[in-house]
Amino acid sequence: MKNLKYFLVQNKLSTASGVKYIPRTLLNGSLAGKSLVEQICWGSTITPSDCLAVMENLDRVVAEQLAQGRSVNLGFVILKPTVKGGFEDPEESFSPEKHQIAVSVTGSQDLQKRVSRAVQPIRIATSKSEPSLSSWANISNRGSQTARIGSLMEVLGKRLTFSEMDPNQGIFFSQGAGNTTRVSEYSIITNRVVGFKTPEGLIPGESYNVEVRALFGTNLRIGKLDEFILIE
């Protein structure tokens, strides 16, 4: 059984619910691109090239069906197109500046049961003196859930300030196991927001976790986004 680490943060959004603390899960790396294809093909007679071709076709079909307003059930997950954003009145029309088209992903009950049986939740303590990332945005393409090399991006959170001149500090795109790419171009670095340009060296089609690394005293501490960002 694998450990699934989480920590608790104060719930500042819903005081009416009476829930004082909510959990944040710590992800243990990611699986995407070539590594994902290799895992799917392991123990099978199909080649990585065949598997990649099927995945590319699946990606195309899913996008086409979602664009037609259909949900897509892959057996283990269900994908649905959704409209997001706030409207002032019932007559207000959709506006790309205020609203977005997003894709929701829901795991099947069987998948959730299998994952639940396979992991052991472990609560860990966290220090307040470390970067805390809450969200990210693609400034070059508002509402996009992906990014491209050279895209202008920003991350929001707390305690994000770092020294741009220190190569050990900054924004890093990570795939775990030492596979990291540091951001070199920044537009703003403050305690609550960091603006930057997506760095060269990232692989299109791969997903990355974004980290903020900063010195607190003499200790280098790392804050990570809860989600992974796909590079187009």
C-alpha atoms as a PDB file:
ATOM      1  CA  MET A   1       0.000   0.000   0.000  1.00  0.00           C
ATOM      2  CA  LYS A   2       1.349   3.421  -1.017  1.00  0.00           C
ATOM      3  CA  ASN A   3       1.290   6.531   1.159  1.00  0.00           C
ATOM      4  CA  LEU A   4      -0.726   9.552   0.005  1.00  0.00           C
ATOM      5  CA  LYS A   5       0.540  12.599   1.868  1.00  0.00           C
ATOM      6  CA  TYR A   6      -1.636  15.572   2.731  1.00  0.00           C
ATOM      7  CA  PHE A   7      -1.600  18.572   5.039  1.00  0.00           C
ATOM      8  CA  LEU A   8      -4.286  20.837   6.452  1.00  0.00           C
ATOM      9  CA  VAL A   9      -4.825  24.525   5.693  1.00  0.00           C
ATOM     10  CA  GLN A  10      -7.290  26.964   7.188  1.00  0.00           C
ATOM     11  CA  ASN A  11     -10.558  27.184   5.265  1.00  0.00           C
ATOM     12  CA  LYS A  12     -11.023  30.888   4.497  1.00  0.00           C
ATOM     13  CA  LEU A  13     -13.661  30.529   1.779  1.00  0.00           C
ATOM     14  CA  SER A  14     -16.609  28.896   3.506  1.00  0.00           C
ATOM     15  CA  THR A  15     -17.032  29.948   7.123  1.00  0.00           C
ATOM     16  CA  ALA A  16     -20.751  29.143   6.969  1.00  0.00           C
ATOM     17  CA  SER A  17     -20.016  25.452   6.510  1.00  0.00           C
ATOM     18  CA  GLY A  18     -18.299  25.252   9.889  1.00  0.00           C
ATOM     19  CA  VAL A  19     -15.302  23.442   8.339  1.00  0.00           C
ATOM     20  CA  LYS A  20     -12.212  25.108   9.803  1.00  0.00           C
ATOM     21  CA  TYR A  21      -9.514  23.175   7.939  1.00  0.00           C
ATOM     22  CA  ILE A  22      -9.375  21.521   4.525  1.00  0.00           C
ATOM     23  CA  PRO A  23      -6.799  19.060   3.121  1.00  0.00           C
ATOM     24  CA  ARG A  24      -4.203  19.754   0.436  1.00  0.00           C
ATOM     25  CA  THR A  25      -2.683  16.709  -1.249  1.00  0.00           C
ATOM     26  CA  LEU A  26       1.034  16.450  -2.017  1.00  0.00           C
ATOM     27  CA  LEU A  27       1.542  14.827  -5.415  1.00  0.00           C
ATOM     28  CA  ASN A  28       4.445  12.434  -5.803  1.00  0.00           C
ATOM     29  CA  GLY A  29       5.576  13.279  -9.323  1.00  0.00           C
ATOM     30  CA  SER A  30       3.737  12.802 -12.608  1.00  0.00           C
ATOM     31  CA  LEU A  31       3.488  10.390 -15.533  1.00  0.00           C
ATOM     32  CA  ALA A  32       3.138  11.774 -19.060  1.00  0.00           C
ATOM     33  CA  GLY A  33       4.482  11.586 -22.592  1.00  0.00           C
ATOM     34  CA  LYS A  34       7.060   8.900 -23.314  1.00  0.00           C
ATOM     35  CA  SER A  35       7.019   7.540 -19.766  1.00  0.00           C
ATOM     36  CA  LEU A  36       3.245   7.076 -19.897  1.00  0.00           C
ATOM     37  CA  VAL A  37       3.432   5.273 -23.244  1.00  0.00           C
ATOM     38  CA  GLU A  38       6.113   2.924 -21.903  1.00  0.00           C
ATOM     39  CA  GLN A  39       3.975   2.054 -18.883  1.00  0.00           C
ATOM     40  CA  ILE A  40       0.924   1.351 -21.048  1.00  0.00           C
ATOM     41  CA  CYS A  41       2.914  -0.881 -23.403  1.00  0.00           C
ATOM     42  CA  TRP A  42       4.673  -2.827 -20.654  1.00  0.00           C
ATOM     43  CA  GLY A  43       3.836  -6.530 -20.841  1.00  0.00           C
ATOM     44  CA  SER A  44       1.970  -6.053 -24.132  1.00  0.00           C
ATOM     45  CA  THR A  45       2.716  -6.970 -27.736  1.00  0.00           C
ATOM     46  CA  ILE A  46       1.859  -3.485 -29.016  1.00  0.00           C
ATOM     47  CA  THR A  47       4.732  -1.154 -29.808  1.00  0.00           C
ATOM     48  CA  PRO A  48       5.193   2.303 -28.277  1.00  0.00           C
ATOM     49  CA  SER A  49       4.592   3.782 -31.733  1.00  0.00           C
ATOM     50  CA  ASP A  50       1.252   1.956 -32.030  1.00  0.00           C
ATOM     51  CA  CYS A  51       0.271   3.052 -28.544  1.00  0.00           C
ATOM     52  CA  LEU A  52       1.221   6.661 -29.252  1.00  0.00           C
ATOM     53  CA  ALA A  53      -0.829   6.620 -32.459  1.00  0.00           C
ATOM     54  CA  VAL A  54      -3.896   5.373 -30.566  1.00  0.00           C
ATOM     55  CA  MET A  55      -3.446   8.036 -27.886  1.00  0.00           C
ATOM     56  CA  GLU A  56      -3.149  10.769 -30.517  1.00  0.00           C
ATOM     57  CA  ASN A  57      -6.350   9.563 -32.185  1.00  0.00           C
ATOM     58  CA  LEU A  58      -8.056   9.380 -28.793  1.00  0.00           C
ATOM     59  CA  ASP A  59      -7.014  12.950 -28.044  1.00  0.00           C
ATOM     60  CA  ARG A  60      -8.448  14.095 -31.397  1.00  0.00           C
ATOM     61  CA  VAL A  61     -11.753  12.244 -30.988  1.00  0.00           C
ATOM     62  CA  VAL A  62     -12.239  13.437 -27.406  1.00  0.00           C
ATOM     63  CA  ALA A  63     -11.609  17.062 -28.382  1.00  0.00           C
ATOM     64  CA  GLU A  64     -14.007  16.815 -31.327  1.00  0.00           C
ATOM     65  CA  GLN A  65     -16.791  15.275 -29.243  1.00  0.00           C
ATOM     66  CA  LEU A  66     -16.382  17.721 -26.370  1.00  0.00           C
ATOM     67  CA  ALA A  67     -16.506  20.603 -28.862  1.00  0.00           C
ATOM     68  CA  GLN A  68     -19.892  19.272 -29.998  1.00  0.00           C
ATOM     69  CA  GLY A  69     -21.215  19.479 -26.452  1.00  0.00           C
ATOM     70  CA  ARG A  70     -21.022  15.764 -25.719  1.00  0.00           C
ATOM     71  CA  SER A  71     -19.596  14.026 -22.669  1.00  0.00           C
ATOM     72  CA  VAL A  72     -17.017  11.311 -23.300  1.00  0.00           C
ATOM     73  CA  ASN A  73     -16.906   8.201 -21.103  1.00  0.00           C
ATOM     74  CA  LEU A  74     -13.532   6.442 -21.300  1.00  0.00           C
ATOM     75  CA  GLY A  75     -14.602   3.789 -18.824  1.00  0.00           C
ATOM     76  CA  PHE A  76     -12.408   5.002 -15.990  1.00  0.00           C
ATOM     77  CA  VAL A  77     -13.008   8.759 -16.400  1.00  0.00           C
ATOM     78  CA  ILE A  78     -15.805  10.909 -17.785  1.00  0.00           C
ATOM     79  CA  LEU A  79     -14.997  14.184 -19.526  1.00  0.00           C
ATOM     80  CA  LYS A  80     -17.532  16.994 -19.998  1.00  0.00           C
ATOM     81  CA  PRO A  81     -17.363  20.480 -21.544  1.00  0.00           C
ATOM     82  CA  THR A  82     -18.343  23.189 -19.071  1.00  0.00           C
ATOM     83  CA  VAL A  83     -18.896  26.945 -19.079  1.00  0.00           C
ATOM     84  CA  LYS A  84     -17.263  28.843 -16.214  1.00  0.00           C
ATOM     85  CA  GLY A  85     -17.423  32.400 -14.939  1.00  0.00           C
ATOM     86  CA  GLY A  86     -19.868  34.767 -13.268  1.00  0.00           C
ATOM     87  CA  PHE A  87     -22.840  36.435 -14.987  1.00  0.00           C
ATOM     88  CA  GLU A  88     -24.420  39.693 -13.782  1.00  0.00           C
ATOM     89  CA  ASP A  89     -27.960  38.906 -14.990  1.00  0.00           C
ATOM     90  CA  PRO A  90     -29.925  36.233 -16.928  1.00  0.00           C
ATOM     91  CA  GLU A  91     -29.556  38.176 -20.198  1.00  0.00           C
ATOM     92  CA  GLU A  92     -25.776  38.552 -20.135  1.00  0.00           C
ATOM     93  CA  SER A  93     -24.018  36.831 -23.043  1.00  0.00           C
ATOM     94  CA  PHE A  94     -20.855  34.759 -22.914  1.00  0.00           C
ATOM     95  CA  SER A  95     -17.718  36.917 -23.015  1.00  0.00           C
ATOM     96  CA  PRO A  96     -14.185  35.460 -23.453  1.00  0.00           C
ATOM     97  CA  GLU A  97     -12.874  38.245 -21.216  1.00  0.00           C
ATOM     98  CA  LYS A  98     -15.008  37.091 -18.261  1.00  0.00           C
ATOM     99  CA  HIS A  99     -15.936  33.478 -19.026  1.00  0.00           C
ATOM    100  CA  GLN A 100     -14.168  30.312 -20.070  1.00  0.00           C
ATOM    101  CA  ILE A 101     -14.814  26.962 -21.697  1.00  0.00           C
ATOM    102  CA  ALA A 102     -13.238  24.257 -19.552  1.00  0.00           C
ATOM    103  CA  VAL A 103     -13.204  20.467 -19.393  1.00  0.00           C
ATOM    104  CA  SER A 104     -14.240  18.667 -16.218  1.00  0.00           C
ATOM    105  CA  VAL A 105     -12.837  15.226 -15.485  1.00  0.00           C
ATOM    106  CA  THR A 106     -14.554  12.817 -13.084  1.00  0.00           C
ATOM    107  CA  GLY A 107     -13.126   9.449 -12.118  1.00  0.00           C
ATOM    108  CA  SER A 108     -15.447   6.455 -12.326  1.00  0.00           C
ATOM    109  CA  GLN A 109     -16.663   4.907  -9.089  1.00  0.00           C
ATOM    110  CA  ASP A 110     -14.621   1.781  -9.810  1.00  0.00           C
ATOM    111  CA  LEU A 111     -11.438   3.819 -10.356  1.00  0.00           C
ATOM    112  CA  GLN A 112     -11.994   5.787  -7.161  1.00  0.00           C
ATOM    113  CA  LYS A 113     -12.585   2.577  -5.184  1.00  0.00           C
ATOM    114  CA  ARG A 114      -9.425   0.934  -6.536  1.00  0.00           C
ATOM    115  CA  VAL A 115      -7.299   3.985  -5.777  1.00  0.00           C
ATOM    116  CA  SER A 116      -8.846   4.323  -2.323  1.00  0.00           C
ATOM    117  CA  ARG A 117      -8.021   0.710  -1.490  1.00  0.00           C
ATOM    118  CA  ALA A 118      -4.442   1.075  -2.731  1.00  0.00           C
ATOM    119  CA  VAL A 119      -3.342   4.109  -0.713  1.00  0.00           C
ATOM    120  CA  GLN A 120      -2.878   5.011   2.923  1.00  0.00           C
ATOM    121  CA  PRO A 121      -3.524   8.714   3.694  1.00  0.00           C
ATOM    122  CA  ILE A 122      -0.733  10.214   5.797  1.00  0.00           C
ATOM    123  CA  ARG A 123      -1.132  13.661   7.334  1.00  0.00           C
ATOM    124  CA  ILE A 124       2.096  15.654   7.549  1.00  0.00           C
ATOM    125  CA  ALA A 125       2.972  18.871   9.302  1.00  0.00           C
ATOM    126  CA  THR A 126       3.971  21.870   7.205  1.00  0.00           C
ATOM    127  CA  SER A 127       5.945  24.936   8.094  1.00  0.00           C
ATOM    128  CA  LYS A 128       4.340  28.325   7.567  1.00  0.00           C
ATOM    129  CA  SER A 129       7.681  29.648   6.419  1.00  0.00           C
ATOM    130  CA  GLU A 130       7.618  28.221   2.904  1.00  0.00           C
ATOM    131  CA  PRO A 131       6.169  29.220  -0.480  1.00  0.00           C
ATOM    132  CA  SER A 132       2.472  28.442  -0.891  1.00  0.00           C
ATOM    133  CA  LEU A 133       1.043  28.353  -4.441  1.00  0.00           C
ATOM    134  CA  SER A 134      -2.725  28.632  -4.860  1.00  0.00           C
ATOM    135  CA  SER A 135      -3.300  29.043  -8.613  1.00  0.00           C
ATOM    136  CA  TRP A 136      -1.787  29.842 -12.001  1.00  0.00           C
ATOM    137  CA  ALA A 137      -2.900  31.589 -15.187  1.00  0.00           C
ATOM    138  CA  ASN A 138      -1.801  31.776 -18.813  1.00  0.00           C
ATOM    139  CA  ILE A 139      -1.639  35.539 -19.383  1.00  0.00           C
ATOM    140  CA  SER A 140      -0.949  35.097 -23.113  1.00  0.00           C
ATOM    141  CA  ASN A 141      -4.188  33.129 -23.527  1.00  0.00           C
ATOM    142  CA  ARG A 142      -6.664  33.858 -20.739  1.00  0.00           C
ATOM    143  CA  GLY A 143      -8.744  30.853 -19.747  1.00  0.00           C
ATOM    144  CA  SER A 144      -6.378  28.319 -21.317  1.00  0.00           C
ATOM    145  CA  GLN A 145      -5.652  25.220 -19.242  1.00  0.00           C
ATOM    146  CA  THR A 146      -2.336  24.660 -21.053  1.00  0.00           C
ATOM    147  CA  ALA A 147       0.788  26.674 -21.874  1.00  0.00           C
ATOM    148  CA  ARG A 148       3.328  27.002 -24.650  1.00  0.00           C
ATOM    149  CA  ILE A 149       7.035  27.764 -24.624  1.00  0.00           C
ATOM    150  CA  GLY A 150       7.272  31.534 -24.440  1.00  0.00           C
ATOM    151  CA  SER A 151       3.795  31.986 -22.923  1.00  0.00           C
ATOM    152  CA  LEU A 152       3.454  34.751 -20.348  1.00  0.00           C
ATOM    153  CA  MET A 153       2.283  33.170 -17.104  1.00  0.00           C
ATOM    154  CA  GLU A 154       1.747  34.024 -13.463  1.00  0.00           C
ATOM    155  CA  VAL A 155       1.402  32.077 -10.231  1.00  0.00           C
ATOM    156  CA  LEU A 156      -0.480  33.349  -7.197  1.00  0.00           C
ATOM    157  CA  GLY A 157       0.007  32.445  -3.568  1.00  0.00           C
ATOM    158  CA  LYS A 158       1.868  33.524  -0.454  1.00  0.00           C
ATOM    159  CA  ARG A 159       5.534  33.890   0.506  1.00  0.00           C
ATOM    160  CA  LEU A 160       6.616  33.699  -3.146  1.00  0.00           C
ATOM    161  CA  THR A 161       9.464  36.233  -3.022  1.00  0.00           C
ATOM    162  CA  PHE A 162      12.910  34.955  -4.001  1.00  0.00           C
ATOM    163  CA  SER A 163      16.232  36.176  -5.358  1.00  0.00           C
ATOM    164  CA  GLU A 164      16.195  36.091  -9.151  1.00  0.00           C
ATOM    165  CA  MET A 165      20.011  36.144  -9.193  1.00  0.00           C
ATOM    166  CA  ASP A 166      20.360  32.920  -7.175  1.00  0.00           C
ATOM    167  CA  PRO A 167      20.271  29.909  -9.571  1.00  0.00           C
ATOM    168  CA  ASN A 168      18.922  27.718  -6.763  1.00  0.00           C
ATOM    169  CA  GLN A 169      15.882  29.945  -6.280  1.00  0.00           C
ATOM    170  CA  GLY A 170      13.042  30.850  -8.615  1.00  0.00           C
ATOM    171  CA  ILE A 171      10.296  29.169 -10.634  1.00  0.00           C
ATOM    172  CA  PHE A 172      11.039  25.628 -11.761  1.00  0.00           C
ATOM    173  CA  PHE A 173       9.120  23.309 -14.104  1.00  0.00           C
ATOM    174  CA  SER A 174       9.600  19.814 -12.704  1.00  0.00           C
ATOM    175  CA  GLN A 175       8.876  16.221 -13.676  1.00  0.00           C
ATOM    176  CA  GLY A 176      10.569  14.791 -10.602  1.00  0.00           C
ATOM    177  CA  ALA A 177      13.774  12.760 -10.261  1.00  0.00           C
ATOM    178  CA  GLY A 178      15.949  15.827 -10.850  1.00  0.00           C
ATOM    179  CA  ASN A 179      14.302  16.643 -14.186  1.00  0.00           C
ATOM    180  CA  THR A 180      13.750  20.392 -13.731  1.00  0.00           C
ATOM    181  CA  THR A 181      13.930  23.506 -15.900  1.00  0.00           C
ATOM    182  CA  ARG A 182      14.405  26.910 -14.265  1.00  0.00           C
ATOM    183  CA  VAL A 183      12.621  30.029 -15.467  1.00  0.00           C
ATOM    184  CA  SER A 184      15.076  32.780 -16.456  1.00  0.00           C
ATOM    185  CA  GLU A 185      12.748  35.643 -17.474  1.00  0.00           C
ATOM    186  CA  TYR A 186      10.485  37.329 -14.905  1.00  0.00           C
ATOM    187  CA  SER A 187       8.140  40.317 -15.230  1.00  0.00           C
ATOM    188  CA  ILE A 188       7.247  40.652 -11.542  1.00  0.00           C
ATOM    189  CA  ILE A 189       8.289  38.971  -8.294  1.00  0.00           C
ATOM    190  CA  THR A 190       6.255  39.789  -5.192  1.00  0.00           C
ATOM    191  CA  ASN A 191       5.075  38.033  -2.074  1.00  0.00           C
ATOM    192  CA  ARG A 192       1.743  37.097  -3.682  1.00  0.00           C
ATOM    193  CA  VAL A 193       2.329  36.982  -7.449  1.00  0.00           C
ATOM    194  CA  VAL A 194       5.165  36.022  -9.772  1.00  0.00           C
ATOM    195  CA  GLY A 195       4.986  36.754 -13.493  1.00  0.00           C
ATOM    196  CA  PHE A 196       7.286  34.949 -15.906  1.00  0.00           C
ATOM    197  CA  LYS A 197       7.821  33.548 -19.395  1.00  0.00           C
ATOM    198  CA  THR A 198       7.572  29.782 -19.945  1.00  0.00           C
ATOM    199  CA  PRO A 199      11.190  28.665 -20.479  1.00  0.00           C
ATOM    200  CA  GLU A 200      12.861  26.958 -23.392  1.00  0.00           C
ATOM    201  CA  GLY A 201      13.682  23.272 -22.980  1.00  0.00           C
ATOM    202  CA  LEU A 202      10.214  22.035 -22.043  1.00  0.00           C
ATOM    203  CA  ILE A 203       8.796  19.208 -24.150  1.00  0.00           C
ATOM    204  CA  PRO A 204       5.460  19.765 -25.931  1.00  0.00           C
ATOM    205  CA  GLY A 205       2.955  17.084 -24.932  1.00  0.00           C
ATOM    206  CA  GLU A 206       4.520  16.645 -21.495  1.00  0.00           C
ATOM    207  CA  SER A 207       3.018  17.767 -18.171  1.00  0.00           C
ATOM    208  CA  TYR A 208       5.002  19.624 -15.528  1.00  0.00           C
ATOM    209  CA  ASN A 209       4.596  20.634 -11.923  1.00  0.00           C
ATOM    210  CA  VAL A 210       5.476  24.248 -11.149  1.00  0.00           C
ATOM    211  CA  GLU A 211       7.595  24.909  -8.075  1.00  0.00           C
ATOM    212  CA  VAL A 212       8.703  28.051  -6.271  1.00  0.00           C
ATOM    213  CA  ARG A 213      12.047  27.643  -4.526  1.00  0.00           C
ATOM    214  CA  ALA A 214      13.057  30.327  -2.026  1.00  0.00           C
ATOM    215  CA  LEU A 215      15.448  30.814   0.851  1.00  0.00           C
ATOM    216  CA  PHE A 216      14.030  31.224   4.349  1.00  0.00           C
ATOM    217  CA  GLY A 217      17.025  32.091   6.463  1.00  0.00           C
ATOM    218  CA  THR A 218      19.562  29.512   5.345  1.00  0.00           C
ATOM    219  CA  ASN A 219      16.963  26.896   4.352  1.00  0.00           C
ATOM    220  CA  LEU A 220      15.879  26.416   0.746  1.00  0.00           C
ATOM    221  CA  ARG A 221      12.178  25.560   0.773  1.00  0.00           C
ATOM    222  CA  ILE A 222       9.854  24.531  -2.033  1.00  0.00           C
ATOM    223  CA  GLY A 223       6.192  25.211  -2.719  1.00  0.00           C
ATOM    224  CA  LYS A 224       4.307  23.374  -5.470  1.00  0.00           C
ATOM    225  CA  LEU A 225       1.088  23.786  -7.391  1.00  0.00           C
ATOM    226  CA  ASP A 226      -1.529  21.122  -6.704  1.00  0.00           C
ATOM    227  CA  GLU A 227      -2.017  20.556 -10.437  1.00  0.00           C
ATOM    228  CA  PHE A 228       0.210  19.856 -13.410  1.00  0.00           C
ATOM    229  CA  ILE A 229       0.512  22.092 -16.466  1.00  0.00           C
ATOM    230  CA  LEU A 230       0.460  20.585 -19.956  1.00  0.00           C
ATOM    231  CA  ILE A 231       2.846  22.126 -22.491  1.00  0.00           C
ATOM    232  CA  GLU A 232       1.366  22.352 -25.973  1.00  0.00           C
END
